[in-house]
Amino acid sequence: MSKLQVNEQLIGKYINRVLWSDVDPVGKIVGIKTKTKVIVQRVEASENKTKMEFVVGGFAAHCTNQSAQSYDFTLTDETFEASLSNNSLKNNFWSIDDRPRKWYDYNF
């Protein structure tokens, strides 16, 4: 992985938290504070808009349409500072993306 550069090119990008196969939005980068700190506006995901379909199987059931998950994302008024470095991204399980992401692995 190349070394992360905290600069204006990150403004407008999103931080998402990846925990194994699940993904949750954290926030949108709205400003740069220092060489390693950014200002993040919190993002919240709605409830899944898709009715999930399950069939008996696996531990209890298998979700046959989990790739159809759909969420709306809302920027809240809350902002916070976040330290960004290759190490902090790894330790916080964060990824930087062009859009907020939400994924729940119903088949885990």
PDB file of N, CA and C in Angstrom:
ATOM      1  N   MET A   1       0.846  -1.171   0.000  1.00  0.00           N
ATOM      2  CA  MET A   1       0.000   0.000   0.000  1.00  0.00           C
ATOM      3  C   MET A   1       0.896   1.240   0.000  1.00  0.00           C
ATOM      4  N   SER A   2       0.503   2.223  -0.817  1.00  0.00           N
ATOM      5  CA  SER A   2       1.279   3.454  -0.839  1.00  0.00           C
ATOM      6  C   SER A   2       0.963   4.290   0.395  1.00  0.00           C
ATOM      7  N   LYS A   3       1.878   5.191   0.719  1.00  0.00           N
ATOM      8  CA  LYS A   3       1.706   6.038   1.904  1.00  0.00           C
ATOM      9  C   LYS A   3       0.554   7.010   1.688  1.00  0.00           C
ATOM     10  N   LEU A   4      -0.325   7.090   2.666  1.00  0.00           N
ATOM     11  CA  LEU A   4      -1.480   7.977   2.602  1.00  0.00           C
ATOM     12  C   LEU A   4      -1.017   9.425   2.693  1.00  0.00           C
ATOM     13  N   GLN A   5      -1.523  10.271   1.810  1.00  0.00           N
ATOM     14  CA  GLN A   5      -1.248  11.702   1.840  1.00  0.00           C
ATOM     15  C   GLN A   5      -2.517  12.426   2.283  1.00  0.00           C
ATOM     16  N   VAL A   6      -2.458  13.094   3.433  1.00  0.00           N
ATOM     17  CA  VAL A   6      -3.607  13.875   3.891  1.00  0.00           C
ATOM     18  C   VAL A   6      -3.492  15.245   3.224  1.00  0.00           C
ATOM     19  N   ASN A   7      -4.387  15.472   2.252  1.00  0.00           N
ATOM     20  CA  ASN A   7      -4.399  16.747   1.531  1.00  0.00           C
ATOM     21  C   ASN A   7      -5.815  17.025   1.032  1.00  0.00           C
ATOM     22  N   GLU A   8      -5.982  18.131   0.319  1.00  0.00           N
ATOM     23  CA  GLU A   8      -7.304  18.563  -0.137  1.00  0.00           C
ATOM     24  C   GLU A   8      -7.988  17.543  -1.047  1.00  0.00           C
ATOM     25  N   GLN A   9      -7.237  16.640  -1.650  1.00  0.00           N
ATOM     26  CA  GLN A   9      -7.844  15.634  -2.523  1.00  0.00           C
ATOM     27  C   GLN A   9      -8.747  14.667  -1.741  1.00  0.00           C
ATOM     28  N   LEU A  10      -8.585  14.607  -0.425  1.00  0.00           N
ATOM     29  CA  LEU A  10      -9.437  13.749   0.391  1.00  0.00           C
ATOM     30  C   LEU A  10     -10.793  14.380   0.694  1.00  0.00           C
ATOM     31  N   ILE A  11     -10.892  15.704   0.553  1.00  0.00           N
ATOM     32  CA  ILE A  11     -12.163  16.376   0.857  1.00  0.00           C
ATOM     33  C   ILE A  11     -13.233  15.865  -0.106  1.00  0.00           C
ATOM     34  N   GLY A  12     -14.356  15.450   0.472  1.00  0.00           N
ATOM     35  CA  GLY A  12     -15.451  14.891  -0.311  1.00  0.00           C
ATOM     36  C   GLY A  12     -15.443  13.375  -0.352  1.00  0.00           C
ATOM     37  N   LYS A  13     -14.356  12.762   0.102  1.00  0.00           N
ATOM     38  CA  LYS A  13     -14.287  11.299   0.175  1.00  0.00           C
ATOM     39  C   LYS A  13     -14.986  10.846   1.451  1.00  0.00           C
ATOM     40  N   TYR A  14     -15.289   9.557   1.494  1.00  0.00           N
ATOM     41  CA  TYR A  14     -15.992   8.987   2.639  1.00  0.00           C
ATOM     42  C   TYR A  14     -15.129   7.970   3.350  1.00  0.00           C
ATOM     43  N   ILE A  15     -15.283   7.920   4.671  1.00  0.00           N
ATOM     44  CA  ILE A  15     -14.637   6.893   5.482  1.00  0.00           C
ATOM     45  C   ILE A  15     -15.708   5.857   5.807  1.00  0.00           C
ATOM     46  N   ASN A  16     -15.406   4.606   5.513  1.00  0.00           N
ATOM     47  CA  ASN A  16     -16.294   3.495   5.826  1.00  0.00           C
ATOM     48  C   ASN A  16     -15.544   2.517   6.708  1.00  0.00           C
ATOM     49  N   ARG A  17     -16.245   1.906   7.647  1.00  0.00           N
ATOM     50  CA  ARG A  17     -15.627   0.938   8.548  1.00  0.00           C
ATOM     51  C   ARG A  17     -15.935  -0.462   8.049  1.00  0.00           C
ATOM     52  N   VAL A  18     -14.895  -1.226   7.824  1.00  0.00           N
ATOM     53  CA  VAL A  18     -15.017  -2.583   7.297  1.00  0.00           C
ATOM     54  C   VAL A  18     -14.668  -3.559   8.412  1.00  0.00           C
ATOM     55  N   LEU A  19     -15.648  -4.320   8.835  1.00  0.00           N
ATOM     56  CA  LEU A  19     -15.439  -5.336   9.863  1.00  0.00           C
ATOM     57  C   LEU A  19     -15.773  -6.685   9.255  1.00  0.00           C
ATOM     58  N   TRP A  20     -14.734  -7.396   8.857  1.00  0.00           N
ATOM     59  CA  TRP A  20     -14.867  -8.675   8.180  1.00  0.00           C
ATOM     60  C   TRP A  20     -15.688  -8.478   6.922  1.00  0.00           C
ATOM     61  N   SER A  21     -16.904  -9.009   6.840  1.00  0.00           N
ATOM     62  CA  SER A  21     -17.680  -8.835   5.614  1.00  0.00           C
ATOM     63  C   SER A  21     -18.724  -7.721   5.725  1.00  0.00           C
ATOM     64  N   ASP A  22     -18.876  -7.118   6.885  1.00  0.00           N
ATOM     65  CA  ASP A  22     -19.833  -6.025   7.065  1.00  0.00           C
ATOM     66  C   ASP A  22     -19.142  -4.677   6.839  1.00  0.00           C
ATOM     67  N   VAL A  23     -19.909  -3.709   6.321  1.00  0.00           N
ATOM     68  CA  VAL A  23     -19.392  -2.362   6.088  1.00  0.00           C
ATOM     69  C   VAL A  23     -20.407  -1.367   6.626  1.00  0.00           C
ATOM     70  N   ASP A  24     -19.937  -0.352   7.355  1.00  0.00           N
ATOM     71  CA  ASP A  24     -20.791   0.716   7.870  1.00  0.00           C
ATOM     72  C   ASP A  24     -20.176   2.064   7.528  1.00  0.00           C
ATOM     73  N   PRO A  25     -20.999   3.052   7.178  1.00  0.00           N
ATOM     74  CA  PRO A  25     -20.460   4.375   6.896  1.00  0.00           C
ATOM     75  C   PRO A  25     -20.013   5.061   8.187  1.00  0.00           C
ATOM     76  N   VAL A  26     -18.938   5.832   8.106  1.00  0.00           N
ATOM     77  CA  VAL A  26     -18.457   6.613   9.245  1.00  0.00           C
ATOM     78  C   VAL A  26     -18.750   8.087   9.001  1.00  0.00           C
ATOM     79  N   GLY A  27     -18.243   8.617   7.890  1.00  0.00           N
ATOM     80  CA  GLY A  27     -18.479  10.020   7.616  1.00  0.00           C
ATOM     81  C   GLY A  27     -17.817  10.501   6.345  1.00  0.00           C
ATOM     82  N   LYS A  28     -18.109  11.756   6.028  1.00  0.00           N
ATOM     83  CA  LYS A  28     -17.572  12.419   4.843  1.00  0.00           C
ATOM     84  C   LYS A  28     -16.470  13.380   5.287  1.00  0.00           C
ATOM     85  N   ILE A  29     -15.333  13.330   4.625  1.00  0.00           N
ATOM     86  CA  ILE A  29     -14.235  14.238   4.944  1.00  0.00           C
ATOM     87  C   ILE A  29     -14.595  15.617   4.398  1.00  0.00           C
ATOM     88  N   VAL A  30     -14.693  16.597   5.304  1.00  0.00           N
ATOM     89  CA  VAL A  30     -15.119  17.946   4.912  1.00  0.00           C
ATOM     90  C   VAL A  30     -14.027  18.985   5.105  1.00  0.00           C
ATOM     91  N   GLY A  31     -12.909  18.599   5.712  1.00  0.00           N
ATOM     92  CA  GLY A  31     -11.829  19.556   5.916  1.00  0.00           C
ATOM     93  C   GLY A  31     -10.551  18.874   6.356  1.00  0.00           C
ATOM     94  N   ILE A  32      -9.456  19.609   6.212  1.00  0.00           N
ATOM     95  CA  ILE A  32      -8.136  19.147   6.645  1.00  0.00           C
ATOM     96  C   ILE A  32      -7.715  20.023   7.805  1.00  0.00           C
ATOM     97  N   LYS A  33      -7.289  19.416   8.905  1.00  0.00           N
ATOM     98  CA  LYS A  33      -6.858  20.190  10.072  1.00  0.00           C
ATOM     99  C   LYS A  33      -5.333  20.275  10.143  1.00  0.00           C
ATOM    100  N   THR A  34      -4.665  19.132  10.025  1.00  0.00           N
ATOM    101  CA  THR A  34      -3.204  19.101  10.066  1.00  0.00           C
ATOM    102  C   THR A  34      -2.717  18.079   9.036  1.00  0.00           C
ATOM    103  N   LYS A  35      -1.440  17.759   9.096  1.00  0.00           N
ATOM    104  CA  LYS A  35      -0.875  16.766   8.172  1.00  0.00           C
ATOM    105  C   LYS A  35      -1.464  15.375   8.365  1.00  0.00           C
ATOM    106  N   THR A  36      -2.040  15.129   9.537  1.00  0.00           N
ATOM    107  CA  THR A  36      -2.586  13.796   9.806  1.00  0.00           C
ATOM    108  C   THR A  36      -4.034  13.815  10.283  1.00  0.00           C
ATOM    109  N   LYS A  37      -4.641  14.984  10.438  1.00  0.00           N
ATOM    110  CA  LYS A  37      -6.009  15.047  10.960  1.00  0.00           C
ATOM    111  C   LYS A  37      -6.954  15.670   9.942  1.00  0.00           C
ATOM    112  N   VAL A  38      -8.133  15.060   9.869  1.00  0.00           N
ATOM    113  CA  VAL A  38      -9.187  15.567   8.996  1.00  0.00           C
ATOM    114  C   VAL A  38     -10.435  15.849   9.820  1.00  0.00           C
ATOM    115  N   ILE A  39     -11.302  16.689   9.279  1.00  0.00           N
ATOM    116  CA  ILE A  39     -12.601  16.956   9.887  1.00  0.00           C
ATOM    117  C   ILE A  39     -13.611  16.100   9.120  1.00  0.00           C
ATOM    118  N   VAL A  40     -14.390  15.325   9.873  1.00  0.00           N
ATOM    119  CA  VAL A  40     -15.326  14.382   9.272  1.00  0.00           C
ATOM    120  C   VAL A  40     -16.741  14.723   9.719  1.00  0.00           C
ATOM    121  N   GLN A  41     -17.662  14.748   8.763  1.00  0.00           N
ATOM    122  CA  GLN A  41     -19.075  14.928   9.062  1.00  0.00           C
ATOM    123  C   GLN A  41     -19.712  13.546   9.069  1.00  0.00           C
ATOM    124  N   ARG A  42     -20.337  13.204  10.180  1.00  0.00           N
ATOM    125  CA  ARG A  42     -20.887  11.863  10.359  1.00  0.00           C
ATOM    126  C   ARG A  42     -21.972  11.568   9.317  1.00  0.00           C
ATOM    127  N   VAL A  43     -21.978  10.321   8.844  1.00  0.00           N
ATOM    128  CA  VAL A  43     -22.976   9.819   7.899  1.00  0.00           C
ATOM    129  C   VAL A  43     -23.723   8.673   8.561  1.00  0.00           C
ATOM    130  N   GLU A  44     -25.045   8.678   8.420  1.00  0.00           N
ATOM    131  CA  GLU A  44     -25.859   7.588   8.946  1.00  0.00           C
ATOM    132  C   GLU A  44     -26.565   6.903   7.787  1.00  0.00           C
ATOM    133  N   ALA A  45     -26.698   5.597   7.892  1.00  0.00           N
ATOM    134  CA  ALA A  45     -27.414   4.815   6.892  1.00  0.00           C
ATOM    135  C   ALA A  45     -28.836   4.556   7.387  1.00  0.00           C
ATOM    136  N   SER A  46     -29.773   4.531   6.447  1.00  0.00           N
ATOM    137  CA  SER A  46     -31.152   4.187   6.786  1.00  0.00           C
ATOM    138  C   SER A  46     -31.247   2.684   7.031  1.00  0.00           C
ATOM    139  N   GLU A  47     -32.417   2.249   7.398  1.00  0.00           N
ATOM    140  CA  GLU A  47     -32.685   0.818   7.435  1.00  0.00           C
ATOM    141  C   GLU A  47     -32.632   0.314   5.993  1.00  0.00           C
ATOM    142  N   ASN A  48     -32.313  -0.951   5.839  1.00  0.00           N
ATOM    143  CA  ASN A  48     -32.285  -1.566   4.522  1.00  0.00           C
ATOM    144  C   ASN A  48     -33.672  -1.426   3.888  1.00  0.00           C
ATOM    145  N   LYS A  49     -33.724  -0.881   2.669  1.00  0.00           N
ATOM    146  CA  LYS A  49     -35.005  -0.663   1.998  1.00  0.00           C
ATOM    147  C   LYS A  49     -35.508  -1.914   1.270  1.00  0.00           C
ATOM    148  N   THR A  50     -34.658  -2.923   1.167  1.00  0.00           N
ATOM    149  CA  THR A  50     -35.014  -4.143   0.444  1.00  0.00           C
ATOM    150  C   THR A  50     -35.531  -5.196   1.417  1.00  0.00           C
ATOM    151  N   LYS A  51     -36.627  -5.842   1.058  1.00  0.00           N
ATOM    152  CA  LYS A  51     -37.117  -6.959   1.871  1.00  0.00           C
ATOM    153  C   LYS A  51     -36.231  -8.162   1.566  1.00  0.00           C
ATOM    154  N   MET A  52     -35.535  -8.633   2.585  1.00  0.00           N
ATOM    155  CA  MET A  52     -34.624  -9.748   2.395  1.00  0.00           C
ATOM    156  C   MET A  52     -35.418 -11.048   2.346  1.00  0.00           C
ATOM    157  N   GLU A  53     -34.963 -11.949   1.480  1.00  0.00           N
ATOM    158  CA  GLU A  53     -35.642 -13.226   1.301  1.00  0.00           C
ATOM    159  C   GLU A  53     -34.742 -14.345   1.814  1.00  0.00           C
ATOM    160  N   PHE A  54     -35.306 -15.202   2.655  1.00  0.00           N
ATOM    161  CA  PHE A  54     -34.540 -16.271   3.294  1.00  0.00           C
ATOM    162  C   PHE A  54     -35.144 -17.629   2.959  1.00  0.00           C
ATOM    163  N   VAL A  55     -34.259 -18.616   2.803  1.00  0.00           N
ATOM    164  CA  VAL A  55     -34.678 -20.008   2.661  1.00  0.00           C
ATOM    165  C   VAL A  55     -33.922 -20.817   3.712  1.00  0.00           C
ATOM    166  N   VAL A  56     -34.501 -21.900   4.142  1.00  0.00           N
ATOM    167  CA  VAL A  56     -33.867 -22.745   5.145  1.00  0.00           C
ATOM    168  C   VAL A  56     -32.531 -23.248   4.601  1.00  0.00           C
ATOM    169  N   GLY A  57     -31.493 -23.147   5.452  1.00  0.00           N
ATOM    170  CA  GLY A  57     -30.166 -23.606   5.061  1.00  0.00           C
ATOM    171  C   GLY A  57     -29.116 -22.935   5.920  1.00  0.00           C
ATOM    172  N   GLY A  58     -27.865 -23.356   5.815  1.00  0.00           N
ATOM    173  CA  GLY A  58     -26.798 -22.784   6.632  1.00  0.00           C
ATOM    174  C   GLY A  58     -27.060 -23.044   8.098  1.00  0.00           C
ATOM    175  N   PHE A  59     -26.724 -22.083   8.972  1.00  0.00           N
ATOM    176  CA  PHE A  59     -26.979 -22.249  10.397  1.00  0.00           C
ATOM    177  C   PHE A  59     -28.470 -22.181  10.702  1.00  0.00           C
ATOM    178  N   ALA A  60     -29.162 -21.259  10.030  1.00  0.00           N
ATOM    179  CA  ALA A  60     -30.593 -21.109  10.253  1.00  0.00           C
ATOM    180  C   ALA A  60     -31.316 -20.885   8.931  1.00  0.00           C
ATOM    181  N   ALA A  61     -30.766 -19.979   8.127  1.00  0.00           N
ATOM    182  CA  ALA A  61     -31.385 -19.662   6.838  1.00  0.00           C
ATOM    183  C   ALA A  61     -30.332 -19.042   5.924  1.00  0.00           C
ATOM    184  N   HIS A  62     -30.640 -19.021   4.651  1.00  0.00           N
ATOM    185  CA  HIS A  62     -29.756 -18.429   3.646  1.00  0.00           C
ATOM    186  C   HIS A  62     -30.511 -17.286   2.985  1.00  0.00           C
ATOM    187  N   CYS A  63     -29.900 -16.115   2.921  1.00  0.00           N
ATOM    188  CA  CYS A  63     -30.509 -14.955   2.282  1.00  0.00           C
ATOM    189  C   CYS A  63     -30.202 -15.032   0.783  1.00  0.00           C
ATOM    190  N   THR A  64     -31.241 -15.156  -0.018  1.00  0.00           N
ATOM    191  CA  THR A  64     -31.055 -15.359  -1.452  1.00  0.00           C
ATOM    192  C   THR A  64     -30.846 -14.062  -2.223  1.00  0.00           C
ATOM    193  N   ASN A  65     -31.141 -12.929  -1.623  1.00  0.00           N
ATOM    194  CA  ASN A  65     -31.027 -11.659  -2.345  1.00  0.00           C
ATOM    195  C   ASN A  65     -30.193 -10.621  -1.588  1.00  0.00           C
ATOM    196  N   GLN A  66     -29.181 -11.067  -0.859  1.00  0.00           N
ATOM    197  CA  GLN A  66     -28.431 -10.100  -0.052  1.00  0.00           C
ATOM    198  C   GLN A  66     -27.710  -9.059  -0.913  1.00  0.00           C
ATOM    199  N   SER A  67     -27.437  -9.348  -2.178  1.00  0.00           N
ATOM    200  CA  SER A  67     -26.782  -8.357  -3.043  1.00  0.00           C
ATOM    201  C   SER A  67     -27.735  -7.234  -3.439  1.00  0.00           C
ATOM    202  N   ALA A  68     -29.012  -7.350  -3.109  1.00  0.00           N
ATOM    203  CA  ALA A  68     -29.997  -6.320  -3.446  1.00  0.00           C
ATOM    204  C   ALA A  68     -30.172  -5.282  -2.333  1.00  0.00           C
ATOM    205  N   GLN A  69     -29.355  -5.318  -1.312  1.00  0.00           N
ATOM    206  CA  GLN A  69     -29.484  -4.362  -0.212  1.00  0.00           C
ATOM    207  C   GLN A  69     -29.427  -2.933  -0.748  1.00  0.00           C
ATOM    208  N   SER A  70     -30.243  -2.058  -0.153  1.00  0.00           N
ATOM    209  CA  SER A  70     -30.293  -0.667  -0.592  1.00  0.00           C
ATOM    210  C   SER A  70     -30.508   0.231   0.622  1.00  0.00           C
ATOM    211  N   TYR A  71     -29.706   1.271   0.707  1.00  0.00           N
ATOM    212  CA  TYR A  71     -29.765   2.178   1.847  1.00  0.00           C
ATOM    213  C   TYR A  71     -29.755   3.622   1.365  1.00  0.00           C
ATOM    214  N   ASP A  72     -30.365   4.501   2.140  1.00  0.00           N
ATOM    215  CA  ASP A  72     -30.213   5.938   1.948  1.00  0.00           C
ATOM    216  C   ASP A  72     -29.196   6.407   2.976  1.00  0.00           C
ATOM    217  N   PHE A  73     -28.418   7.414   2.617  1.00  0.00           N
ATOM    218  CA  PHE A  73     -27.389   7.944   3.514  1.00  0.00           C
ATOM    219  C   PHE A  73     -27.693   9.400   3.809  1.00  0.00           C
ATOM    220  N   THR A  74     -27.534   9.770   5.084  1.00  0.00           N
ATOM    221  CA  THR A  74     -27.818  11.127   5.534  1.00  0.00           C
ATOM    222  C   THR A  74     -26.608  11.693   6.257  1.00  0.00           C
ATOM    223  N   LEU A  75     -26.189  12.895   5.850  1.00  0.00           N
ATOM    224  CA  LEU A  75     -25.147  13.606   6.591  1.00  0.00           C
ATOM    225  C   LEU A  75     -25.795  14.240   7.807  1.00  0.00           C
ATOM    226  N   THR A  76     -25.219  14.021   8.985  1.00  0.00           N
ATOM    227  CA  THR A  76     -25.743  14.627  10.205  1.00  0.00           C
ATOM    228  C   THR A  76     -25.035  15.968  10.438  1.00  0.00           C
ATOM    229  N   ASP A  77     -25.427  16.679  11.475  1.00  0.00           N
ATOM    230  CA  ASP A  77     -24.771  17.931  11.844  1.00  0.00           C
ATOM    231  C   ASP A  77     -23.500  17.689  12.643  1.00  0.00           C
ATOM    232  N   GLU A  78     -23.286  16.451  13.086  1.00  0.00           N
ATOM    233  CA  GLU A  78     -22.129  16.131  13.926  1.00  0.00           C
ATOM    234  C   GLU A  78     -20.845  16.060  13.105  1.00  0.00           C
ATOM    235  N   THR A  79     -19.812  16.743  13.587  1.00  0.00           N
ATOM    236  CA  THR A  79     -18.481  16.623  12.993  1.00  0.00           C
ATOM    237  C   THR A  79     -17.503  16.190  14.075  1.00  0.00           C
ATOM    238  N   PHE A  80     -16.415  15.564  13.640  1.00  0.00           N
ATOM    239  CA  PHE A  80     -15.376  15.145  14.570  1.00  0.00           C
ATOM    240  C   PHE A  80     -14.051  15.121  13.839  1.00  0.00           C
ATOM    241  N   GLU A  81     -12.968  15.102  14.617  1.00  0.00           N
ATOM    242  CA  GLU A  81     -11.627  15.000  14.052  1.00  0.00           C
ATOM    243  C   GLU A  81     -11.234  13.535  13.993  1.00  0.00           C
ATOM    244  N   ALA A  82     -10.545  13.172  12.926  1.00  0.00           N
ATOM    245  CA  ALA A  82     -10.040  11.813  12.802  1.00  0.00           C
ATOM    246  C   ALA A  82      -8.595  11.873  12.351  1.00  0.00           C
ATOM    247  N   SER A  83      -7.770  11.036  12.945  1.00  0.00           N
ATOM    248  CA  SER A  83      -6.376  10.912  12.514  1.00  0.00           C
ATOM    249  C   SER A  83      -6.327   9.923  11.366  1.00  0.00           C
ATOM    250  N   LEU A  84      -5.657  10.320  10.299  1.00  0.00           N
ATOM    251  CA  LEU A  84      -5.540   9.439   9.146  1.00  0.00           C
ATOM    252  C   LEU A  84      -4.080   9.154   8.847  1.00  0.00           C
ATOM    253  N   SER A  85      -3.766   7.899   8.819  1.00  0.00           N
ATOM    254  CA  SER A  85      -2.456   7.410   8.399  1.00  0.00           C
ATOM    255  C   SER A  85      -2.692   5.983   7.942  1.00  0.00           C
ATOM    256  N   ASN A  86      -1.721   5.391   7.295  1.00  0.00           N
ATOM    257  CA  ASN A  86      -1.878   3.989   6.906  1.00  0.00           C
ATOM    258  C   ASN A  86      -2.158   3.130   8.135  1.00  0.00           C
ATOM    259  N   ASN A  87      -1.483   3.441   9.247  1.00  0.00           N
ATOM    260  CA  ASN A  87      -1.661   2.658  10.467  1.00  0.00           C
ATOM    261  C   ASN A  87      -3.052   2.869  11.068  1.00  0.00           C
ATOM    262  N   SER A  88      -3.531   4.122  11.117  1.00  0.00           N
ATOM    263  CA  SER A  88      -4.852   4.360  11.710  1.00  0.00           C
ATOM    264  C   SER A  88      -5.955   3.752  10.853  1.00  0.00           C
ATOM    265  N   LEU A  89      -5.788   3.759   9.528  1.00  0.00           N
ATOM    266  CA  LEU A  89      -6.784   3.119   8.663  1.00  0.00           C
ATOM    267  C   LEU A  89      -6.853   1.626   8.974  1.00  0.00           C
ATOM    268  N   LYS A  90      -5.691   1.002   9.117  1.00  0.00           N
ATOM    269  CA  LYS A  90      -5.632  -0.436   9.403  1.00  0.00           C
ATOM    270  C   LYS A  90      -6.200  -0.745  10.786  1.00  0.00           C
ATOM    271  N   ASN A  91      -5.802   0.014  11.806  1.00  0.00           N
ATOM    272  CA  ASN A  91      -6.229  -0.263  13.179  1.00  0.00           C
ATOM    273  C   ASN A  91      -7.709   0.020  13.412  1.00  0.00           C
ATOM    274  N   ASN A  92      -8.278   0.974  12.685  1.00  0.00           N
ATOM    275  CA  ASN A  92      -9.697   1.301  12.827  1.00  0.00           C
ATOM    276  C   ASN A  92     -10.566   0.545  11.840  1.00  0.00           C
ATOM    277  N   PHE A  93      -9.941  -0.280  10.997  1.00  0.00           N
ATOM    278  CA  PHE A  93     -10.649  -1.007   9.949  1.00  0.00           C
ATOM    279  C   PHE A  93     -11.388  -0.044   9.027  1.00  0.00           C
ATOM    280  N   TRP A  94     -10.789   1.112   8.756  1.00  0.00           N
ATOM    281  CA  TRP A  94     -11.401   2.118   7.901  1.00  0.00           C
ATOM    282  C   TRP A  94     -10.908   1.984   6.479  1.00  0.00           C
ATOM    283  N   SER A  95     -11.761   2.366   5.535  1.00  0.00           N
ATOM    284  CA  SER A  95     -11.350   2.513   4.150  1.00  0.00           C
ATOM    285  C   SER A  95     -11.823   3.888   3.685  1.00  0.00           C
ATOM    286  N   ILE A  96     -11.121   4.453   2.731  1.00  0.00           N
ATOM    287  CA  ILE A  96     -11.511   5.733   2.154  1.00  0.00           C
ATOM    288  C   ILE A  96     -12.084   5.444   0.776  1.00  0.00           C
ATOM    289  N   ASP A  97     -13.315   5.906   0.547  1.00  0.00           N
ATOM    290  CA  ASP A  97     -14.035   5.585  -0.676  1.00  0.00           C
ATOM    291  C   ASP A  97     -14.683   6.830  -1.268  1.00  0.00           C
ATOM    292  N   ASP A  98     -15.167   6.698  -2.485  1.00  0.00           N
ATOM    293  CA  ASP A  98     -15.840   7.807  -3.161  1.00  0.00           C
ATOM    294  C   ASP A  98     -17.289   7.981  -2.721  1.00  0.00           C
ATOM    295  N   ARG A  99     -17.820   6.998  -2.015  1.00  0.00           N
ATOM    296  CA  ARG A  99     -19.215   7.071  -1.575  1.00  0.00           C
ATOM    297  C   ARG A  99     -19.355   6.349  -0.238  1.00  0.00           C
ATOM    298  N   PRO A 100     -20.407   6.678   0.515  1.00  0.00           N
ATOM    299  CA  PRO A 100     -20.652   5.912   1.741  1.00  0.00           C
ATOM    300  C   PRO A 100     -21.126   4.525   1.365  1.00  0.00           C
ATOM    301  N   ARG A 101     -20.790   3.553   2.197  1.00  0.00           N
ATOM    302  CA  ARG A 101     -21.173   2.170   1.923  1.00  0.00           C
ATOM    303  C   ARG A 101     -21.787   1.542   3.163  1.00  0.00           C
ATOM    304  N   LYS A 102     -22.751   0.663   2.919  1.00  0.00           N
ATOM    305  CA  LYS A 102     -23.376  -0.121   3.988  1.00  0.00           C
ATOM    306  C   LYS A 102     -23.613  -1.500   3.416  1.00  0.00           C
ATOM    307  N   TRP A 103     -23.187  -2.522   4.138  1.00  0.00           N
ATOM    308  CA  TRP A 103     -23.387  -3.901   3.708  1.00  0.00           C
ATOM    309  C   TRP A 103     -23.483  -4.760   4.947  1.00  0.00           C
ATOM    310  N   TYR A 104     -24.506  -5.571   5.006  1.00  0.00           N
ATOM    311  CA  TYR A 104     -24.647  -6.515   6.105  1.00  0.00           C
ATOM    312  C   TYR A 104     -24.616  -7.911   5.500  1.00  0.00           C
ATOM    313  N   ASP A 105     -23.758  -8.759   6.008  1.00  0.00           N
ATOM    314  CA  ASP A 105     -23.643 -10.119   5.489  1.00  0.00           C
ATOM    315  C   ASP A 105     -24.649 -11.004   6.200  1.00  0.00           C
ATOM    316  N   TYR A 106     -25.801 -11.200   5.577  1.00  0.00           N
ATOM    317  CA  TYR A 106     -26.842 -12.031   6.153  1.00  0.00           C
ATOM    318  C   TYR A 106     -26.472 -13.506   6.137  1.00  0.00           C
ATOM    319  N   ASN A 107     -25.475 -13.874   5.348  1.00  0.00           N
ATOM    320  CA  ASN A 107     -25.123 -15.286   5.198  1.00  0.00           C
ATOM    321  C   ASN A 107     -23.862 -15.673   5.967  1.00  0.00           C
ATOM    322  N   PHE A 108     -23.464 -14.874   6.935  1.00  0.00           N
ATOM    323  CA  PHE A 108     -22.277 -15.200   7.704  1.00  0.00           C
ATOM    324  C   PHE A 108     -22.591 -16.197   8.763  1.00  0.00           C
TER     325      PHE A 108
END
